[in-house]
Amino acid sequence: MRLISSILFAFVIPLQGMGTQILLLPSSAVELSMGSHTTLEGLFPINPALYKGSENHPYLSLNRGNWLGDVSLSQIGYNQTGFDKVMHLGLKYSGLTDLEFRGDTPQDNAAANFSAYGIILDAGVAFKRGNQRYGISMSYVQFGLYTEDSKGFSLDAGYAIEMRNGYTFGIVAKNLGKMSELESKHPVLPKRFSSGLSKQFQFENFKNSVFGSIEWNSTVSTSKFHMGNRFSWNRLELFSGYSTSEQIAESSIGIGINMNRYQITYGTRFGSQDLGFPKLLSIRVQMP
């Protein structure tokens, strides 16, 4: 349909959070404020080898915020440890409503109103062998625009090794799969290949971790570099990050408070292109 092609062209910027691009969006306030690192563990890490779980109590996590172009982001996840493995289930949604389609000629009223959305349902497992960790994740992906939609599956695989003196190395391959047709064409999944190194420093009552990662993405021709820092003291955590690629630079900050069973984290990002300020609020609950 030519109408769909016109809509896609007209809204290419705000629709970055929909379509297969939803697979590139940060999943938590920690990732948003530090960058996408292959050695950063959590409930929604980019490296499935680093799923985080508790020995006796599962984790429930809720994430809510906005991406560029007022794209809304929502995510819920569940992590459970058992049989020497960490199992993960998650649901991620992004949406943009009240979009207007207008023709080439000026007009008072829009020809049509429509919305766009993206959904990811994922399940993964991670396990540890000595100082090495392995993980795999499978995702069902669906996105829709106007009256069209596309569905498919994506596979992620990751590896991490904990080395001496607080160093950790990680590598991950993401978004390996295929989508169904959308207007007679198969959308291409944005394949990602990342590797990185982190170092943890321990000082009496606080600790600090420094992260560095490099990412290759099939949707762009240049590499992207991520730098991040995580400072922890008592119940307080401070996050910062910097990402750069050709002609684009992004800075980010975040803060987290740990209240035993509950943890609240907020993060935001500032980009060099002045397209907006993405932000995410994450709540982690340790269940009985």
Protein backbone atom coordinates (compact mmCIF):
# COMPACT_ATOMS: atom_id res chain seq x y z
CA MET A 1 0.00 0.00 0.00
CA ARG A 2 1.42 3.38 -1.05
CA LEU A 3 -0.37 4.96 1.90
CA ILE A 4 1.71 2.94 4.36
CA SER A 5 4.92 3.88 2.56
CA SER A 6 4.00 7.55 2.81
CA ILE A 7 3.28 7.22 6.52
CA LEU A 8 6.57 5.46 7.17
CA PHE A 9 8.49 8.18 5.36
CA ALA A 10 6.66 11.02 7.08
CA PHE A 11 7.19 9.65 10.59
CA VAL A 12 10.59 8.02 10.30
CA ILE A 13 11.99 9.93 13.33
CA PRO A 14 9.20 9.44 15.92
CA LEU A 15 8.71 5.81 14.87
CA GLN A 16 12.24 4.87 15.91
CA GLY A 17 10.73 3.23 19.01
CA MET A 18 8.45 1.00 16.96
CA GLY A 19 9.10 -1.59 14.32
CA THR A 20 12.21 -3.68 14.72
CA GLN A 21 13.90 -0.66 16.38
CA ILE A 22 12.17 -1.66 19.64
CA LEU A 23 14.88 -4.33 19.92
CA LEU A 24 17.49 -1.58 20.28
CA LEU A 25 15.80 0.42 23.04
CA PRO A 26 17.11 0.23 26.63
CA SER A 27 15.18 -2.12 28.89
CA SER A 28 15.78 -0.48 32.27
CA ALA A 29 16.80 2.78 33.93
CA VAL A 30 20.23 1.29 34.66
CA GLU A 31 20.88 0.50 30.98
CA LEU A 32 19.56 3.90 29.91
CA SER A 33 21.83 5.76 32.34
CA MET A 34 24.97 3.64 31.83
CA GLY A 35 24.78 2.39 28.25
CA SER A 36 24.45 -1.09 26.75
CA HIS A 37 27.27 -3.13 28.29
CA THR A 38 27.92 -6.84 27.81
CA THR A 39 29.29 -7.15 31.37
CA LEU A 40 26.41 -5.41 33.17
CA GLU A 41 24.21 -7.90 35.02
CA GLY A 42 20.58 -7.22 35.89
CA LEU A 43 16.98 -8.29 35.40
CA PHE A 44 17.02 -7.09 31.75
CA PRO A 45 20.70 -7.22 30.70
CA ILE A 46 21.64 -7.06 27.03
CA ASN A 47 23.78 -10.14 27.71
CA PRO A 48 21.47 -13.08 28.60
CA ALA A 49 24.39 -14.76 30.39
CA LEU A 50 24.09 -12.09 33.11
CA TYR A 51 20.47 -12.51 34.20
CA LYS A 52 20.30 -11.71 37.91
CA GLY A 53 18.30 -13.82 40.35
CA SER A 54 17.93 -14.58 44.05
CA GLU A 55 18.50 -17.97 45.64
CA ASN A 56 15.31 -17.92 47.73
CA HIS A 57 13.05 -15.21 46.31
CA PRO A 58 12.14 -14.32 42.71
CA TYR A 59 12.43 -10.78 41.39
CA LEU A 60 9.58 -8.82 39.79
CA SER A 61 10.54 -5.68 37.89
CA LEU A 62 8.48 -2.86 36.42
CA ASN A 63 9.82 -0.24 34.01
CA ARG A 64 8.02 2.81 32.66
CA GLY A 65 9.14 5.85 30.68
CA ASN A 66 9.44 7.64 27.35
CA TRP A 67 11.76 7.45 24.37
CA LEU A 68 12.42 9.99 21.62
CA GLY A 69 9.34 11.47 19.95
CA ASP A 70 7.19 10.80 23.05
CA VAL A 71 7.20 7.08 22.37
CA SER A 72 5.95 5.40 25.56
CA LEU A 73 7.93 2.47 27.00
CA SER A 74 6.62 -0.15 29.41
CA GLN A 75 8.16 -3.40 30.58
CA ILE A 76 7.51 -6.09 33.16
CA GLY A 77 9.85 -8.95 34.00
CA TYR A 78 10.16 -11.97 36.29
CA ASN A 79 13.46 -13.65 37.27
CA GLN A 80 13.62 -16.93 39.18
CA THR A 81 16.60 -19.00 40.31
CA GLY A 82 16.36 -22.79 40.32
CA PHE A 83 18.30 -25.91 39.31
CA ASP A 84 21.53 -23.83 39.28
CA LYS A 85 20.07 -21.58 36.59
CA VAL A 86 18.45 -18.15 36.37
CA MET A 87 15.22 -18.14 34.35
CA HIS A 88 13.69 -14.98 32.92
CA LEU A 89 10.31 -13.99 31.47
CA GLY A 90 9.61 -10.50 30.16
CA LEU A 91 7.12 -8.39 28.23
CA LYS A 92 8.08 -5.09 26.59
CA TYR A 93 5.76 -2.60 24.87
CA SER A 94 6.33 0.66 23.03
CA GLY A 95 3.57 2.79 21.55
CA LEU A 96 2.77 6.06 19.86
CA THR A 97 -0.82 7.30 19.43
CA ASP A 98 -2.71 10.18 17.81
CA LEU A 99 -0.55 10.22 14.70
CA GLU A 100 -2.09 12.11 11.77
CA PHE A 101 -1.77 11.29 8.10
CA ARG A 102 -1.88 14.28 5.73
CA GLY A 103 -1.36 14.53 2.01
CA ASP A 104 1.05 16.73 0.06
CA THR A 105 -1.44 19.61 -0.11
CA PRO A 106 -2.38 21.70 2.95
CA GLN A 107 -5.64 20.67 4.65
CA ASP A 108 -7.49 21.64 7.82
CA ASN A 109 -8.26 18.11 8.97
CA ALA A 110 -6.13 15.01 8.86
CA ALA A 111 -7.03 12.35 6.30
CA ALA A 112 -6.69 9.68 8.99
CA ASN A 113 -5.54 9.09 12.56
CA PHE A 114 -3.47 6.03 13.44
CA SER A 115 -1.16 4.56 16.02
CA ALA A 116 1.99 2.46 16.02
CA TYR A 117 3.18 -0.12 18.52
CA GLY A 118 5.85 -2.73 19.20
CA ILE A 119 5.69 -5.78 21.49
CA ILE A 120 8.39 -8.19 22.65
CA LEU A 121 7.68 -11.32 24.70
CA ASP A 122 10.94 -12.96 25.75
CA ALA A 123 12.11 -15.97 27.75
CA GLY A 124 15.69 -16.78 28.65
CA VAL A 125 17.97 -18.87 30.85
CA ALA A 126 21.48 -18.33 32.22
CA PHE A 127 23.83 -20.72 33.99
CA LYS A 128 27.30 -20.61 35.47
CA ARG A 129 30.24 -23.02 35.20
CA GLY A 130 33.11 -21.99 37.44
CA ASN A 131 34.01 -18.42 36.53
CA GLN A 132 32.20 -18.58 33.17
CA ARG A 133 28.57 -17.70 32.48
CA TYR A 134 26.39 -18.61 29.51
CA GLY A 135 22.93 -17.48 28.47
CA ILE A 136 20.36 -17.68 25.72
CA SER A 137 17.08 -15.86 25.11
CA MET A 138 14.23 -16.26 22.61
CA SER A 139 11.83 -13.41 21.80
CA TYR A 140 8.53 -13.15 19.99
CA VAL A 141 8.42 -9.78 18.21
CA GLN A 142 5.36 -8.01 16.80
CA PHE A 143 4.87 -4.45 15.61
CA GLY A 144 2.05 -2.67 13.85
CA LEU A 145 1.51 0.52 11.92
CA TYR A 146 -1.88 1.76 10.73
CA THR A 147 -3.60 -1.42 9.44
CA GLU A 148 -0.42 -3.42 8.84
CA ASP A 149 1.59 -5.62 11.23
CA SER A 150 4.56 -7.97 11.19
CA LYS A 151 5.52 -10.88 13.47
CA GLY A 152 8.68 -12.88 14.00
CA PHE A 153 11.20 -14.46 16.37
CA SER A 154 14.59 -13.33 17.59
CA LEU A 155 17.43 -15.21 19.27
CA ASP A 156 20.09 -13.79 21.64
CA ALA A 157 23.18 -15.62 22.91
CA GLY A 158 25.78 -14.38 25.38
CA TYR A 159 28.91 -15.31 27.28
CA ALA A 160 30.82 -13.73 30.18
CA ILE A 161 33.92 -14.66 32.15
CA GLU A 162 34.98 -13.31 35.54
CA MET A 163 38.73 -12.85 35.59
CA ARG A 164 41.24 -11.92 38.25
CA ASN A 165 41.47 -8.54 39.99
CA GLY A 166 37.79 -7.70 39.44
CA TYR A 167 37.81 -7.81 35.63
CA THR A 168 34.89 -9.24 33.63
CA PHE A 169 34.73 -9.80 29.87
CA GLY A 170 31.50 -10.35 27.93
CA ILE A 171 30.34 -10.92 24.38
CA VAL A 172 26.84 -11.17 22.92
CA ALA A 173 25.02 -11.66 19.61
CA LYS A 174 21.48 -10.32 19.49
CA ASN A 175 18.43 -10.17 17.24
CA LEU A 176 19.17 -13.20 15.07
CA GLY A 177 15.89 -14.11 13.38
CA LYS A 178 13.27 -13.26 10.80
CA MET A 179 10.03 -11.26 10.51
CA SER A 180 6.89 -11.87 8.45
CA GLU A 181 5.93 -9.60 5.56
CA LEU A 182 4.88 -5.99 6.01
CA GLU A 183 3.51 -4.48 2.80
CA SER A 184 5.08 -7.27 0.68
CA LYS A 185 8.52 -6.88 2.33
CA HIS A 186 10.17 -8.68 5.25
CA PRO A 187 11.41 -6.17 7.87
CA VAL A 188 15.04 -6.79 8.75
CA LEU A 189 15.96 -7.35 12.38
CA PRO A 190 18.72 -5.00 13.62
CA LYS A 191 21.45 -7.53 14.39
CA ARG A 192 23.81 -6.49 17.18
CA PHE A 193 27.24 -7.85 18.09
CA SER A 194 28.84 -6.44 21.23
CA SER A 195 31.84 -7.09 23.42
CA GLY A 196 33.10 -5.31 26.50
CA LEU A 197 35.26 -5.24 29.61
CA SER A 198 34.54 -4.01 33.13
CA LYS A 199 36.59 -3.52 36.29
CA GLN A 200 35.30 -3.41 39.87
CA PHE A 201 37.03 -1.49 42.66
CA GLN A 202 36.23 -2.17 46.34
CA PHE A 203 36.92 0.46 49.02
CA GLU A 204 35.72 -0.31 52.56
CA ASN A 205 32.10 0.98 52.58
CA PHE A 206 31.65 1.57 48.86
CA LYS A 207 32.50 0.08 45.49
CA ASN A 208 32.86 1.45 42.00
CA SER A 209 32.64 -0.33 38.63
CA VAL A 210 33.85 1.00 35.28
CA PHE A 211 32.44 -0.38 32.01
CA GLY A 212 33.50 -0.15 28.38
CA SER A 213 31.83 -1.77 25.35
CA ILE A 214 31.89 -1.62 21.57
CA GLU A 215 28.84 -2.44 19.45
CA TRP A 216 28.35 -3.32 15.78
CA ASN A 217 24.83 -2.81 14.47
CA SER A 218 23.55 -3.96 11.06
CA THR A 219 21.40 -0.83 10.69
CA VAL A 220 24.36 1.59 10.76
CA SER A 221 27.73 1.57 9.04
CA THR A 222 29.86 2.64 12.02
CA SER A 223 30.60 1.17 15.45
CA LYS A 224 29.22 2.59 18.68
CA PHE A 225 31.26 2.93 21.86
CA HIS A 226 29.78 2.89 25.37
CA MET A 227 31.44 4.02 28.60
CA GLY A 228 29.73 3.67 31.97
CA ASN A 229 30.30 4.01 35.70
CA ARG A 230 28.42 2.57 38.66
CA PHE A 231 29.08 3.86 42.19
CA SER A 232 27.51 2.09 45.18
CA TRP A 233 27.52 3.21 48.79
CA ASN A 234 25.23 1.82 51.46
CA ARG A 235 21.71 2.03 49.91
CA LEU A 236 22.62 4.58 47.25
CA GLU A 237 23.75 3.97 43.68
CA LEU A 238 24.86 6.58 41.14
CA PHE A 239 25.11 5.85 37.41
CA SER A 240 26.66 7.73 34.51
CA GLY A 241 27.39 6.94 30.90
CA TYR A 242 28.67 8.23 27.59
CA SER A 243 28.05 6.77 24.12
CA THR A 244 29.46 7.91 20.83
CA SER A 245 29.34 6.99 17.15
CA GLU A 246 29.84 8.95 13.94
CA GLN A 247 28.34 12.44 14.41
CA ILE A 248 26.31 11.35 17.47
CA ALA A 249 27.21 11.64 21.16
CA GLU A 250 25.01 10.88 24.16
CA SER A 251 25.47 11.43 27.89
CA SER A 252 23.34 9.88 30.61
CA ILE A 253 22.92 9.85 34.39
CA GLY A 254 20.85 7.93 36.91
CA ILE A 255 20.23 7.34 40.60
CA GLY A 256 19.03 4.30 42.52
CA ILE A 257 17.91 3.61 46.10
CA ASN A 258 17.94 0.10 47.55
CA MET A 259 15.42 -0.54 50.33
CA ASN A 260 16.08 -4.23 50.97
CA ARG A 261 13.13 -5.88 49.18
CA TYR A 262 12.55 -2.84 46.98
CA GLN A 263 14.82 -0.92 44.67
CA ILE A 264 13.90 2.23 42.72
CA THR A 265 16.06 3.57 39.88
CA TYR A 266 15.62 6.59 37.63
CA GLY A 267 17.67 7.37 34.54
CA THR A 268 17.72 9.92 31.73
CA ARG A 269 19.80 10.56 28.61
CA PHE A 270 20.93 13.69 26.78
CA GLY A 271 21.72 13.49 23.06
CA SER A 272 23.67 15.76 20.74
CA GLN A 273 20.83 15.90 18.19
CA ASP A 274 18.32 17.63 20.53
CA LEU A 275 15.51 15.16 19.74
CA GLY A 276 14.33 14.91 23.34
CA PHE A 277 15.28 13.44 26.71
CA PRO A 278 14.52 9.72 27.09
CA LYS A 279 13.81 8.72 30.69
CA LEU A 280 12.93 5.53 32.55
CA LEU A 281 11.78 4.66 36.06
CA SER A 282 12.49 1.09 37.22
CA ILE A 283 11.12 -0.65 40.30
CA ARG A 284 12.46 -4.00 41.46
CA VAL A 285 10.54 -6.05 44.03
CA GLN A 286 11.89 -9.14 45.79
CA MET A 287 8.87 -11.40 46.19
CA PRO A 288 8.20 -13.67 49.22
